[in-house]
Amino acid sequence: MQVSENHQRYWSKNLRITGILLAIWFVVTFVVGYFARDLNFNFFGWPFSFWVGAQGSLVVYVVIIAYYAHYMNKLDQEHGVAEDL
């Protein structure tokens, strides 16, 4: 099966953004969570370590999902593979 240059560029960009977003997810989940106890200051009246563990990571996950959906819709349109709704 012959893969076109357009198809290769599409998957290259897809894999690049997926890798970047997974790296952000890893940092938020494991690195920040691991060092959260060392962050001893108040953030909106709560200890920052509690806020990161309970709320901050969830906010980042939602932002990652929204950005990926937006980016992929734009990429689909750019490469002519967008779904017609």
N, C-alpha and C. Protein backbone atom coordinates (compact mmCIF):
# COMPACT_ATOMS: atom_id res chain seq x y z
N MET A 1 0.84 -1.18 0.00
CA MET A 1 0.00 0.00 0.00
C MET A 1 0.88 1.24 0.00
N GLN A 2 0.62 2.13 -0.91
CA GLN A 2 1.39 3.36 -1.04
C GLN A 2 0.80 4.44 -0.13
N VAL A 3 1.62 5.02 0.71
CA VAL A 3 1.18 6.07 1.62
C VAL A 3 1.60 7.41 1.04
N SER A 4 0.62 8.31 0.92
CA SER A 4 0.91 9.61 0.31
C SER A 4 1.69 10.50 1.29
N GLU A 5 2.31 11.53 0.74
CA GLU A 5 3.06 12.48 1.56
C GLU A 5 2.13 13.23 2.51
N ASN A 6 0.91 13.52 2.04
CA ASN A 6 -0.08 14.18 2.88
C ASN A 6 -0.42 13.32 4.10
N HIS A 7 -0.58 12.02 3.88
CA HIS A 7 -0.89 11.09 4.96
C HIS A 7 0.27 11.01 5.96
N GLN A 8 1.49 11.01 5.47
CA GLN A 8 2.66 10.96 6.35
C GLN A 8 2.77 12.22 7.19
N ARG A 9 2.52 13.39 6.60
CA ARG A 9 2.56 14.64 7.35
C ARG A 9 1.47 14.67 8.42
N TYR A 10 0.28 14.18 8.06
CA TYR A 10 -0.84 14.13 9.01
C TYR A 10 -0.47 13.29 10.23
N TRP A 11 0.04 12.09 10.01
CA TRP A 11 0.37 11.22 11.14
C TRP A 11 1.59 11.70 11.90
N SER A 12 2.50 12.35 11.23
CA SER A 12 3.65 12.92 11.92
C SER A 12 3.20 14.00 12.91
N LYS A 13 2.32 14.89 12.46
CA LYS A 13 1.81 15.93 13.34
C LYS A 13 0.96 15.34 14.46
N ASN A 14 0.17 14.32 14.14
CA ASN A 14 -0.66 13.65 15.13
C ASN A 14 0.20 13.02 16.22
N LEU A 15 1.23 12.31 15.84
CA LEU A 15 2.11 11.67 16.81
C LEU A 15 2.89 12.68 17.63
N ARG A 16 3.29 13.78 17.01
CA ARG A 16 4.02 14.82 17.73
C ARG A 16 3.15 15.44 18.82
N ILE A 17 1.91 15.83 18.49
CA ILE A 17 1.05 16.46 19.50
C ILE A 17 0.66 15.46 20.57
N THR A 18 0.46 14.21 20.19
CA THR A 18 0.14 13.18 21.18
C THR A 18 1.30 12.99 22.15
N GLY A 19 2.51 12.96 21.65
CA GLY A 19 3.68 12.82 22.52
C GLY A 19 3.85 13.99 23.46
N ILE A 20 3.63 15.20 22.96
CA ILE A 20 3.76 16.40 23.80
C ILE A 20 2.71 16.39 24.90
N LEU A 21 1.47 16.08 24.53
CA LEU A 21 0.40 16.08 25.53
C LEU A 21 0.57 14.95 26.54
N LEU A 22 1.09 13.80 26.11
CA LEU A 22 1.36 12.72 27.07
C LEU A 22 2.49 13.10 28.02
N ALA A 23 3.47 13.84 27.53
CA ALA A 23 4.55 14.30 28.41
C ALA A 23 4.00 15.27 29.46
N ILE A 24 3.10 16.17 29.05
CA ILE A 24 2.47 17.08 30.00
C ILE A 24 1.65 16.29 31.02
N TRP A 25 0.89 15.31 30.55
CA TRP A 25 0.10 14.46 31.45
C TRP A 25 1.01 13.76 32.46
N PHE A 26 2.13 13.22 32.01
CA PHE A 26 3.05 12.53 32.90
C PHE A 26 3.60 13.47 33.96
N VAL A 27 4.01 14.65 33.55
CA VAL A 27 4.56 15.62 34.50
C VAL A 27 3.51 16.00 35.55
N VAL A 28 2.29 16.28 35.11
CA VAL A 28 1.23 16.68 36.03
C VAL A 28 0.87 15.53 36.97
N THR A 29 0.81 14.33 36.45
CA THR A 29 0.38 13.19 37.25
C THR A 29 1.44 12.71 38.22
N PHE A 30 2.65 12.54 37.76
CA PHE A 30 3.66 11.90 38.58
C PHE A 30 4.68 12.88 39.17
N VAL A 31 5.18 13.79 38.41
CA VAL A 31 6.24 14.69 38.89
C VAL A 31 5.67 15.70 39.88
N VAL A 32 4.65 16.43 39.48
CA VAL A 32 4.07 17.43 40.37
C VAL A 32 3.45 16.75 41.59
N GLY A 33 2.76 15.64 41.39
CA GLY A 33 2.18 14.91 42.51
C GLY A 33 3.22 14.40 43.49
N TYR A 34 4.36 13.99 42.98
CA TYR A 34 5.42 13.48 43.84
C TYR A 34 6.02 14.58 44.71
N PHE A 35 6.17 15.76 44.15
CA PHE A 35 6.77 16.87 44.88
C PHE A 35 5.74 17.79 45.54
N ALA A 36 4.47 17.43 45.52
CA ALA A 36 3.43 18.31 46.04
C ALA A 36 3.58 18.58 47.53
N ARG A 37 4.04 17.62 48.29
CA ARG A 37 4.19 17.84 49.75
C ARG A 37 5.24 18.89 50.06
N ASP A 38 6.20 19.06 49.17
CA ASP A 38 7.24 20.06 49.38
C ASP A 38 6.76 21.48 49.09
N LEU A 39 5.60 21.61 48.48
CA LEU A 39 5.05 22.92 48.12
C LEU A 39 4.20 23.42 49.28
N ASN A 40 4.82 24.05 50.26
CA ASN A 40 4.14 24.46 51.48
C ASN A 40 3.80 25.95 51.45
N PHE A 41 2.77 26.31 50.70
CA PHE A 41 2.25 27.67 50.75
C PHE A 41 0.76 27.62 50.43
N ASN A 42 0.05 28.66 50.83
CA ASN A 42 -1.40 28.69 50.62
C ASN A 42 -1.72 29.20 49.23
N PHE A 43 -2.74 28.59 48.63
CA PHE A 43 -3.21 28.94 47.30
C PHE A 43 -4.72 29.06 47.38
N PHE A 44 -5.24 30.27 47.31
CA PHE A 44 -6.67 30.54 47.49
C PHE A 44 -7.20 29.99 48.80
N GLY A 45 -6.40 30.10 49.86
CA GLY A 45 -6.83 29.68 51.19
C GLY A 45 -6.61 28.21 51.51
N TRP A 46 -6.12 27.44 50.56
CA TRP A 46 -5.86 26.01 50.77
C TRP A 46 -4.38 25.74 50.60
N PRO A 47 -3.88 24.70 51.25
CA PRO A 47 -2.48 24.33 51.00
C PRO A 47 -2.31 23.96 49.52
N PHE A 48 -1.26 24.45 48.91
CA PHE A 48 -1.05 24.23 47.48
C PHE A 48 -0.96 22.75 47.15
N SER A 49 -0.34 21.95 48.01
CA SER A 49 -0.23 20.52 47.74
C SER A 49 -1.60 19.87 47.64
N PHE A 50 -2.54 20.28 48.50
CA PHE A 50 -3.91 19.75 48.43
C PHE A 50 -4.57 20.17 47.13
N TRP A 51 -4.40 21.46 46.76
CA TRP A 51 -5.03 21.96 45.55
C TRP A 51 -4.52 21.23 44.31
N VAL A 52 -3.21 21.00 44.24
CA VAL A 52 -2.64 20.30 43.08
C VAL A 52 -3.21 18.88 43.00
N GLY A 53 -3.26 18.20 44.13
CA GLY A 53 -3.74 16.83 44.12
C GLY A 53 -5.22 16.70 43.85
N ALA A 54 -6.01 17.62 44.40
CA ALA A 54 -7.45 17.48 44.30
C ALA A 54 -8.06 18.18 43.10
N GLN A 55 -7.54 19.33 42.73
CA GLN A 55 -8.19 20.12 41.69
C GLN A 55 -7.29 20.44 40.49
N GLY A 56 -6.07 20.79 40.75
CA GLY A 56 -5.19 21.27 39.69
C GLY A 56 -4.97 20.26 38.58
N SER A 57 -4.74 19.02 38.95
CA SER A 57 -4.49 18.01 37.92
C SER A 57 -5.73 17.77 37.07
N LEU A 58 -6.91 17.81 37.67
CA LEU A 58 -8.15 17.61 36.90
C LEU A 58 -8.35 18.73 35.90
N VAL A 59 -8.04 19.95 36.30
CA VAL A 59 -8.16 21.09 35.39
C VAL A 59 -7.21 20.91 34.20
N VAL A 60 -6.00 20.48 34.48
CA VAL A 60 -5.03 20.28 33.40
C VAL A 60 -5.49 19.17 32.46
N TYR A 61 -6.08 18.09 32.99
CA TYR A 61 -6.56 17.00 32.14
C TYR A 61 -7.66 17.47 31.20
N VAL A 62 -8.58 18.28 31.71
CA VAL A 62 -9.66 18.81 30.87
C VAL A 62 -9.10 19.72 29.79
N VAL A 63 -8.12 20.54 30.13
CA VAL A 63 -7.49 21.43 29.15
C VAL A 63 -6.77 20.61 28.08
N ILE A 64 -6.09 19.54 28.48
CA ILE A 64 -5.41 18.67 27.51
C ILE A 64 -6.41 18.07 26.53
N ILE A 65 -7.53 17.56 27.04
CA ILE A 65 -8.54 16.95 26.17
C ILE A 65 -9.13 17.98 25.22
N ALA A 66 -9.48 19.17 25.74
CA ALA A 66 -10.07 20.20 24.89
C ALA A 66 -9.08 20.65 23.81
N TYR A 67 -7.82 20.83 24.18
CA TYR A 67 -6.82 21.26 23.20
C TYR A 67 -6.62 20.19 22.13
N TYR A 68 -6.56 18.93 22.53
CA TYR A 68 -6.35 17.86 21.55
C TYR A 68 -7.53 17.79 20.56
N ALA A 69 -8.75 17.90 21.07
CA ALA A 69 -9.92 17.86 20.19
C ALA A 69 -9.90 19.03 19.21
N HIS A 70 -9.58 20.22 19.70
CA HIS A 70 -9.51 21.40 18.83
C HIS A 70 -8.39 21.25 17.80
N TYR A 71 -7.22 20.83 18.24
CA TYR A 71 -6.08 20.68 17.34
C TYR A 71 -6.36 19.63 16.26
N MET A 72 -6.96 18.50 16.64
CA MET A 72 -7.22 17.45 15.66
C MET A 72 -8.31 17.85 14.67
N ASN A 73 -9.32 18.60 15.11
CA ASN A 73 -10.32 19.09 14.17
C ASN A 73 -9.68 20.02 13.14
N LYS A 74 -8.80 20.89 13.61
CA LYS A 74 -8.10 21.80 12.70
C LYS A 74 -7.18 21.02 11.75
N LEU A 75 -6.48 20.01 12.29
CA LEU A 75 -5.58 19.21 11.47
C LEU A 75 -6.36 18.40 10.43
N ASP A 76 -7.52 17.86 10.82
CA ASP A 76 -8.37 17.12 9.87
C ASP A 76 -8.81 18.01 8.71
N GLN A 77 -9.21 19.23 9.02
CA GLN A 77 -9.62 20.16 7.97
C GLN A 77 -8.44 20.53 7.07
N GLU A 78 -7.29 20.72 7.67
CA GLU A 78 -6.10 21.09 6.91
C GLU A 78 -5.71 20.01 5.91
N HIS A 79 -5.90 18.76 6.27
CA HIS A 79 -5.50 17.64 5.41
C HIS A 79 -6.66 17.01 4.66
N GLY A 80 -7.84 17.60 4.75
CA GLY A 80 -8.97 17.13 3.96
C GLY A 80 -9.59 15.84 4.43
N VAL A 81 -9.51 15.53 5.70
CA VAL A 81 -10.10 14.29 6.22
C VAL A 81 -11.13 14.59 7.31
N ALA A 82 -11.65 15.82 7.34
CA ALA A 82 -12.63 16.19 8.36
C ALA A 82 -13.96 15.51 8.09
N GLU A 83 -14.68 15.20 9.16
CA GLU A 83 -15.99 14.60 9.04
C GLU A 83 -17.02 15.67 8.73
N ASP A 84 -17.96 15.34 7.90
CA ASP A 84 -19.05 16.26 7.59
C ASP A 84 -20.18 16.01 8.57
N LEU A 85 -20.58 17.08 9.26
CA LEU A 85 -21.66 16.95 10.24
C LEU A 85 -22.94 17.53 9.72
